[in-house]
Amino acid sequence: MTYSPISSTTLTIDQLPAMDRVRAQFLDQLRECELELNSSKIQNIFEAEKDITKKRKFIDDRTDLSVLRIKLESVI
């Protein structure tokens, strides 16, 4: 399959080929997850946690998710 160099801003999700729609929807879900993990609700729970190891793991995992999403976007 070949792709033309059309700006993604000129296409709606319905105009994308099927696999591209799946990728776009997956990336949207990852972004939503990131937003939730950075929300004030989660931040309050995080700040109440006493276990420093758990806090460090949460920060590392949340950062990893963002980095991996960015890498995936770059590849796609």
PDB file of N, CA and C in Angstrom:
ATOM      1  N   MET A   1       0.845  -1.172   0.000  1.00  0.00           N
ATOM      2  CA  MET A   1       0.000   0.000   0.000  1.00  0.00           C
ATOM      3  C   MET A   1       0.889   1.234   0.000  1.00  0.00           C
ATOM      4  N   THR A   2       0.573   2.191  -0.810  1.00  0.00           N
ATOM      5  CA  THR A   2       1.341   3.432  -0.849  1.00  0.00           C
ATOM      6  C   THR A   2       0.503   4.550  -0.258  1.00  0.00           C
ATOM      7  N   TYR A   3       1.199   5.504   0.315  1.00  0.00           N
ATOM      8  CA  TYR A   3       0.538   6.641   0.933  1.00  0.00           C
ATOM      9  C   TYR A   3       0.980   7.899   0.234  1.00  0.00           C
ATOM     10  N   SER A   4       0.035   8.781   0.039  1.00  0.00           N
ATOM     11  CA  SER A   4       0.382  10.067  -0.546  1.00  0.00           C
ATOM     12  C   SER A   4       0.718  11.034   0.585  1.00  0.00           C
ATOM     13  N   PRO A   5       1.552  12.019   0.301  1.00  0.00           N
ATOM     14  CA  PRO A   5       1.964  12.966   1.352  1.00  0.00           C
ATOM     15  C   PRO A   5       0.902  14.006   1.656  1.00  0.00           C
ATOM     16  N   ILE A   6      -0.283  13.553   2.046  1.00  0.00           N
ATOM     17  CA  ILE A   6      -1.379  14.450   2.397  1.00  0.00           C
ATOM     18  C   ILE A   6      -1.283  14.743   3.884  1.00  0.00           C
ATOM     19  N   SER A   7      -1.445  15.972   4.236  1.00  0.00           N
ATOM     20  CA  SER A   7      -1.408  16.357   5.643  1.00  0.00           C
ATOM     21  C   SER A   7      -2.534  15.658   6.390  1.00  0.00           C
ATOM     22  N   SER A   8      -2.208  15.131   7.573  1.00  0.00           N
ATOM     23  CA  SER A   8      -3.224  14.431   8.362  1.00  0.00           C
ATOM     24  C   SER A   8      -4.331  15.367   8.821  1.00  0.00           C
ATOM     25  N   THR A   9      -4.080  16.650   8.826  1.00  0.00           N
ATOM     26  CA  THR A   9      -5.112  17.589   9.260  1.00  0.00           C
ATOM     27  C   THR A   9      -6.191  17.773   8.199  1.00  0.00           C
ATOM     28  N   THR A  10      -5.922  17.343   6.958  1.00  0.00           N
ATOM     29  CA  THR A  10      -6.914  17.510   5.908  1.00  0.00           C
ATOM     30  C   THR A  10      -7.855  16.311   5.826  1.00  0.00           C
ATOM     31  N   LEU A  11      -7.547  15.233   6.546  1.00  0.00           N
ATOM     32  CA  LEU A  11      -8.378  14.036   6.512  1.00  0.00           C
ATOM     33  C   LEU A  11      -9.163  13.907   7.812  1.00  0.00           C
ATOM     34  N   THR A  12     -10.370  13.399   7.685  1.00  0.00           N
ATOM     35  CA  THR A  12     -11.095  13.022   8.892  1.00  0.00           C
ATOM     36  C   THR A  12     -10.802  11.557   9.154  1.00  0.00           C
ATOM     37  N   ILE A  13     -11.085  11.100  10.343  1.00  0.00           N
ATOM     38  CA  ILE A  13     -10.780   9.708  10.687  1.00  0.00           C
ATOM     39  C   ILE A  13     -11.540   8.738   9.787  1.00  0.00           C
ATOM     40  N   ASP A  14     -12.730   9.106   9.320  1.00  0.00           N
ATOM     41  CA  ASP A  14     -13.515   8.235   8.449  1.00  0.00           C
ATOM     42  C   ASP A  14     -12.897   8.087   7.065  1.00  0.00           C
ATOM     43  N   GLN A  15     -12.036   9.017   6.681  1.00  0.00           N
ATOM     44  CA  GLN A  15     -11.412   8.953   5.369  1.00  0.00           C
ATOM     45  C   GLN A  15     -10.120   8.136   5.361  1.00  0.00           C
ATOM     46  N   LEU A  16      -9.638   7.770   6.522  1.00  0.00           N
ATOM     47  CA  LEU A  16      -8.412   6.990   6.600  1.00  0.00           C
ATOM     48  C   LEU A  16      -8.678   5.536   6.226  1.00  0.00           C
ATOM     49  N   PRO A  17      -7.674   4.857   5.653  1.00  0.00           N
ATOM     50  CA  PRO A  17      -7.824   3.411   5.426  1.00  0.00           C
ATOM     51  C   PRO A  17      -8.064   2.706   6.761  1.00  0.00           C
ATOM     52  N   ALA A  18      -8.656   1.534   6.724  1.00  0.00           N
ATOM     53  CA  ALA A  18      -9.089   0.830   7.938  1.00  0.00           C
ATOM     54  C   ALA A  18      -7.982   0.701   8.981  1.00  0.00           C
ATOM     55  N   MET A  19      -6.796   0.271   8.607  1.00  0.00           N
ATOM     56  CA  MET A  19      -5.719   0.075   9.578  1.00  0.00           C
ATOM     57  C   MET A  19      -5.272   1.413  10.159  1.00  0.00           C
ATOM     58  N   ASP A  20      -5.272   2.449   9.351  1.00  0.00           N
ATOM     59  CA  ASP A  20      -4.912   3.773   9.847  1.00  0.00           C
ATOM     60  C   ASP A  20      -5.929   4.265  10.876  1.00  0.00           C
ATOM     61  N   ARG A  21      -7.213   3.932  10.673  1.00  0.00           N
ATOM     62  CA  ARG A  21      -8.245   4.295  11.648  1.00  0.00           C
ATOM     63  C   ARG A  21      -7.989   3.589  12.964  1.00  0.00           C
ATOM     64  N   VAL A  22      -7.626   2.313  12.903  1.00  0.00           N
ATOM     65  CA  VAL A  22      -7.337   1.553  14.121  1.00  0.00           C
ATOM     66  C   VAL A  22      -6.156   2.187  14.847  1.00  0.00           C
ATOM     67  N   ARG A  23      -5.108   2.534  14.114  1.00  0.00           N
ATOM     68  CA  ARG A  23      -3.937   3.176  14.717  1.00  0.00           C
ATOM     69  C   ARG A  23      -4.311   4.505  15.359  1.00  0.00           C
ATOM     70  N   ALA A  24      -5.089   5.309  14.631  1.00  0.00           N
ATOM     71  CA  ALA A  24      -5.485   6.622  15.146  1.00  0.00           C
ATOM     72  C   ALA A  24      -6.332   6.473  16.406  1.00  0.00           C
ATOM     73  N   GLN A  25      -7.248   5.521  16.410  1.00  0.00           N
ATOM     74  CA  GLN A  25      -8.089   5.299  17.587  1.00  0.00           C
ATOM     75  C   GLN A  25      -7.255   4.810  18.763  1.00  0.00           C
ATOM     76  N   PHE A  26      -6.274   3.937  18.498  1.00  0.00           N
ATOM     77  CA  PHE A  26      -5.402   3.447  19.559  1.00  0.00           C
ATOM     78  C   PHE A  26      -4.594   4.591  20.158  1.00  0.00           C
ATOM     79  N   LEU A  27      -4.054   5.449  19.308  1.00  0.00           N
ATOM     80  CA  LEU A  27      -3.298   6.604  19.801  1.00  0.00           C
ATOM     81  C   LEU A  27      -4.198   7.543  20.605  1.00  0.00           C
ATOM     82  N   ASP A  28      -5.425   7.717  20.167  1.00  0.00           N
ATOM     83  CA  ASP A  28      -6.378   8.543  20.928  1.00  0.00           C
ATOM     84  C   ASP A  28      -6.616   7.948  22.313  1.00  0.00           C
ATOM     85  N   GLN A  29      -6.741   6.623  22.392  1.00  0.00           N
ATOM     86  CA  GLN A  29      -6.943   5.967  23.681  1.00  0.00           C
ATOM     87  C   GLN A  29      -5.713   6.134  24.573  1.00  0.00           C
ATOM     88  N   LEU A  30      -4.530   6.052  23.990  1.00  0.00           N
ATOM     89  CA  LEU A  30      -3.312   6.271  24.774  1.00  0.00           C
ATOM     90  C   LEU A  30      -3.258   7.692  25.316  1.00  0.00           C
ATOM     91  N   ARG A  31      -3.637   8.659  24.485  1.00  0.00           N
ATOM     92  CA  ARG A  31      -3.642  10.060  24.929  1.00  0.00           C
ATOM     93  C   ARG A  31      -4.642  10.266  26.073  1.00  0.00           C
ATOM     94  N   GLU A  32      -5.811   9.640  25.947  1.00  0.00           N
ATOM     95  CA  GLU A  32      -6.813   9.732  27.014  1.00  0.00           C
ATOM     96  C   GLU A  32      -6.276   9.134  28.310  1.00  0.00           C
ATOM     97  N   CYS A  33      -5.589   8.009  28.196  1.00  0.00           N
ATOM     98  CA  CYS A  33      -4.989   7.365  29.366  1.00  0.00           C
ATOM     99  C   CYS A  33      -3.951   8.292  29.998  1.00  0.00           C
ATOM    100  N   GLU A  34      -3.136   8.913  29.172  1.00  0.00           N
ATOM    101  CA  GLU A  34      -2.137   9.871  29.682  1.00  0.00           C
ATOM    102  C   GLU A  34      -2.809  11.020  30.423  1.00  0.00           C
ATOM    103  N   LEU A  35      -3.857  11.555  29.836  1.00  0.00           N
ATOM    104  CA  LEU A  35      -4.574  12.660  30.485  1.00  0.00           C
ATOM    105  C   LEU A  35      -5.119  12.230  31.837  1.00  0.00           C
ATOM    106  N   GLU A  36      -5.681  11.040  31.900  1.00  0.00           N
ATOM    107  CA  GLU A  36      -6.224  10.533  33.166  1.00  0.00           C
ATOM    108  C   GLU A  36      -5.108  10.349  34.193  1.00  0.00           C
ATOM    109  N   LEU A  37      -3.970   9.798  33.759  1.00  0.00           N
ATOM    110  CA  LEU A  37      -2.857   9.572  34.683  1.00  0.00           C
ATOM    111  C   LEU A  37      -2.248  10.876  35.189  1.00  0.00           C
ATOM    112  N   ASN A  38      -2.475  11.962  34.471  1.00  0.00           N
ATOM    113  CA  ASN A  38      -1.963  13.263  34.884  1.00  0.00           C
ATOM    114  C   ASN A  38      -3.048  14.155  35.483  1.00  0.00           C
ATOM    115  N   SER A  39      -4.227  13.596  35.693  1.00  0.00           N
ATOM    116  CA  SER A  39      -5.352  14.377  36.222  1.00  0.00           C
ATOM    117  C   SER A  39      -5.153  14.693  37.701  1.00  0.00           C
ATOM    118  N   SER A  40      -5.888  15.675  38.169  1.00  0.00           N
ATOM    119  CA  SER A  40      -5.801  16.045  39.585  1.00  0.00           C
ATOM    120  C   SER A  40      -6.297  14.912  40.483  1.00  0.00           C
ATOM    121  N   LYS A  41      -7.267  14.154  40.024  1.00  0.00           N
ATOM    122  CA  LYS A  41      -7.781  13.018  40.802  1.00  0.00           C
ATOM    123  C   LYS A  41      -6.661  12.009  41.074  1.00  0.00           C
ATOM    124  N   ILE A  42      -5.930  11.640  40.036  1.00  0.00           N
ATOM    125  CA  ILE A  42      -4.825  10.688  40.187  1.00  0.00           C
ATOM    126  C   ILE A  42      -3.687  11.332  40.970  1.00  0.00           C
ATOM    127  N   GLN A  43      -3.440  12.603  40.736  1.00  0.00           N
ATOM    128  CA  GLN A  43      -2.374  13.298  41.457  1.00  0.00           C
ATOM    129  C   GLN A  43      -2.638  13.306  42.965  1.00  0.00           C
ATOM    130  N   ASN A  44      -3.890  13.499  43.354  1.00  0.00           N
ATOM    131  CA  ASN A  44      -4.249  13.475  44.780  1.00  0.00           C
ATOM    132  C   ASN A  44      -4.008  12.102  45.392  1.00  0.00           C
ATOM    133  N   ILE A  45      -4.370  11.053  44.663  1.00  0.00           N
ATOM    134  CA  ILE A  45      -4.121   9.687  45.138  1.00  0.00           C
ATOM    135  C   ILE A  45      -2.619   9.451  45.253  1.00  0.00           C
ATOM    136  N   PHE A  46      -1.891   9.904  44.237  1.00  0.00           N
ATOM    137  CA  PHE A  46      -0.433   9.753  44.217  1.00  0.00           C
ATOM    138  C   PHE A  46       0.208  10.446  45.417  1.00  0.00           C
ATOM    139  N   GLU A  47      -0.195  11.661  45.688  1.00  0.00           N
ATOM    140  CA  GLU A  47       0.390  12.426  46.797  1.00  0.00           C
ATOM    141  C   GLU A  47       0.066  11.820  48.162  1.00  0.00           C
ATOM    142  N   ALA A  48      -1.056  11.122  48.268  1.00  0.00           N
ATOM    143  CA  ALA A  48      -1.435  10.490  49.528  1.00  0.00           C
ATOM    144  C   ALA A  48      -0.669   9.189  49.785  1.00  0.00           C
ATOM    145  N   GLU A  49      -0.061   8.637  48.751  1.00  0.00           N
ATOM    146  CA  GLU A  49       0.690   7.380  48.884  1.00  0.00           C
ATOM    147  C   GLU A  49       1.934   7.591  49.735  1.00  0.00           C
ATOM    148  N   LYS A  50       2.122   6.735  50.712  1.00  0.00           N
ATOM    149  CA  LYS A  50       3.261   6.854  51.625  1.00  0.00           C
ATOM    150  C   LYS A  50       4.489   6.083  51.130  1.00  0.00           C
ATOM    151  N   ASP A  51       4.257   5.028  50.367  1.00  0.00           N
ATOM    152  CA  ASP A  51       5.340   4.156  49.911  1.00  0.00           C
ATOM    153  C   ASP A  51       6.122   4.836  48.774  1.00  0.00           C
ATOM    154  N   ILE A  52       7.342   5.229  49.070  1.00  0.00           N
ATOM    155  CA  ILE A  52       8.186   5.931  48.091  1.00  0.00           C
ATOM    156  C   ILE A  52       8.471   5.057  46.872  1.00  0.00           C
ATOM    157  N   THR A  53       8.632   3.755  47.076  1.00  0.00           N
ATOM    158  CA  THR A  53       8.895   2.836  45.964  1.00  0.00           C
ATOM    159  C   THR A  53       7.718   2.814  44.994  1.00  0.00           C
ATOM    160  N   LYS A  54       6.506   2.779  45.522  1.00  0.00           N
ATOM    161  CA  LYS A  54       5.312   2.811  44.679  1.00  0.00           C
ATOM    162  C   LYS A  54       5.215   4.132  43.914  1.00  0.00           C
ATOM    163  N   LYS A  55       5.537   5.223  44.596  1.00  0.00           N
ATOM    164  CA  LYS A  55       5.502   6.530  43.937  1.00  0.00           C
ATOM    165  C   LYS A  55       6.487   6.572  42.771  1.00  0.00           C
ATOM    166  N   ARG A  56       7.710   6.106  43.028  1.00  0.00           N
ATOM    167  CA  ARG A  56       8.742   6.116  41.987  1.00  0.00           C
ATOM    168  C   ARG A  56       8.325   5.254  40.801  1.00  0.00           C
ATOM    169  N   LYS A  57       7.752   4.074  41.094  1.00  0.00           N
ATOM    170  CA  LYS A  57       7.293   3.168  40.028  1.00  0.00           C
ATOM    171  C   LYS A  57       6.187   3.818  39.217  1.00  0.00           C
ATOM    172  N   PHE A  58       5.250   4.477  39.884  1.00  0.00           N
ATOM    173  CA  PHE A  58       4.163   5.143  39.173  1.00  0.00           C
ATOM    174  C   PHE A  58       4.712   6.223  38.238  1.00  0.00           C
ATOM    175  N   ILE A  59       5.608   7.047  38.757  1.00  0.00           N
ATOM    176  CA  ILE A  59       6.193   8.113  37.931  1.00  0.00           C
ATOM    177  C   ILE A  59       6.929   7.518  36.738  1.00  0.00           C
ATOM    178  N   ASP A  60       7.721   6.486  36.991  1.00  0.00           N
ATOM    179  CA  ASP A  60       8.468   5.837  35.901  1.00  0.00           C
ATOM    180  C   ASP A  60       7.534   5.249  34.852  1.00  0.00           C
ATOM    181  N   ASP A  61       6.495   4.548  35.297  1.00  0.00           N
ATOM    182  CA  ASP A  61       5.553   3.929  34.354  1.00  0.00           C
ATOM    183  C   ASP A  61       4.768   4.975  33.574  1.00  0.00           C
ATOM    184  N   ARG A  62       4.362   6.034  34.251  1.00  0.00           N
ATOM    185  CA  ARG A  62       3.620   7.111  33.574  1.00  0.00           C
ATOM    186  C   ARG A  62       4.501   7.786  32.525  1.00  0.00           C
ATOM    187  N   THR A  63       5.758   8.000  32.870  1.00  0.00           N
ATOM    188  CA  THR A  63       6.702   8.597  31.920  1.00  0.00           C
ATOM    189  C   THR A  63       6.955   7.652  30.753  1.00  0.00           C
ATOM    190  N   ASP A  64       7.122   6.369  31.050  1.00  0.00           N
ATOM    191  CA  ASP A  64       7.331   5.374  29.987  1.00  0.00           C
ATOM    192  C   ASP A  64       6.176   5.366  29.003  1.00  0.00           C
ATOM    193  N   LEU A  65       4.943   5.450  29.505  1.00  0.00           N
ATOM    194  CA  LEU A  65       3.778   5.477  28.624  1.00  0.00           C
ATOM    195  C   LEU A  65       3.853   6.660  27.667  1.00  0.00           C
ATOM    196  N   SER A  66       4.201   7.820  28.176  1.00  0.00           N
ATOM    197  CA  SER A  66       4.300   9.013  27.327  1.00  0.00           C
ATOM    198  C   SER A  66       5.396   8.858  26.275  1.00  0.00           C
ATOM    199  N   VAL A  67       6.538   8.354  26.698  1.00  0.00           N
ATOM    200  CA  VAL A  67       7.660   8.180  25.774  1.00  0.00           C
ATOM    201  C   VAL A  67       7.293   7.173  24.686  1.00  0.00           C
ATOM    202  N   LEU A  68       6.697   6.066  25.081  1.00  0.00           N
ATOM    203  CA  LEU A  68       6.333   5.031  24.100  1.00  0.00           C
ATOM    204  C   LEU A  68       5.259   5.532  23.148  1.00  0.00           C
ATOM    205  N   ARG A  69       4.305   6.328  23.649  1.00  0.00           N
ATOM    206  CA  ARG A  69       3.283   6.889  22.755  1.00  0.00           C
ATOM    207  C   ARG A  69       3.908   7.805  21.719  1.00  0.00           C
ATOM    208  N   ILE A  70       4.861   8.619  22.164  1.00  0.00           N
ATOM    209  CA  ILE A  70       5.536   9.530  21.239  1.00  0.00           C
ATOM    210  C   ILE A  70       6.332   8.746  20.196  1.00  0.00           C
ATOM    211  N   LYS A  71       7.023   7.698  20.632  1.00  0.00           N
ATOM    212  CA  LYS A  71       7.766   6.857  19.695  1.00  0.00           C
ATOM    213  C   LYS A  71       6.828   6.208  18.684  1.00  0.00           C
ATOM    214  N   LEU A  72       5.687   5.711  19.159  1.00  0.00           N
ATOM    215  CA  LEU A  72       4.719   5.077  18.285  1.00  0.00           C
ATOM    216  C   LEU A  72       4.184   6.080  17.272  1.00  0.00           C
ATOM    217  N   GLU A  73       3.868   7.279  17.723  1.00  0.00           N
ATOM    218  CA  GLU A  73       3.395   8.320  16.796  1.00  0.00           C
ATOM    219  C   GLU A  73       4.446   8.609  15.731  1.00  0.00           C
ATOM    220  N   SER A  74       5.693   8.646  16.126  1.00  0.00           N
ATOM    221  CA  SER A  74       6.786   8.929  15.190  1.00  0.00           C
ATOM    222  C   SER A  74       6.897   7.828  14.140  1.00  0.00           C
ATOM    223  N   VAL A  75       6.756   6.585  14.564  1.00  0.00           N
ATOM    224  CA  VAL A  75       6.848   5.461  13.642  1.00  0.00           C
ATOM    225  C   VAL A  75       5.670   5.454  12.679  1.00  0.00           C
ATOM    226  N   ILE A  76       4.504   5.712  13.212  1.00  0.00           N
ATOM    227  CA  ILE A  76       3.295   5.714  12.384  1.00  0.00           C
ATOM    228  C   ILE A  76       3.333   6.891  11.427  1.00  0.00           C
TER     229      ILE A  76
END
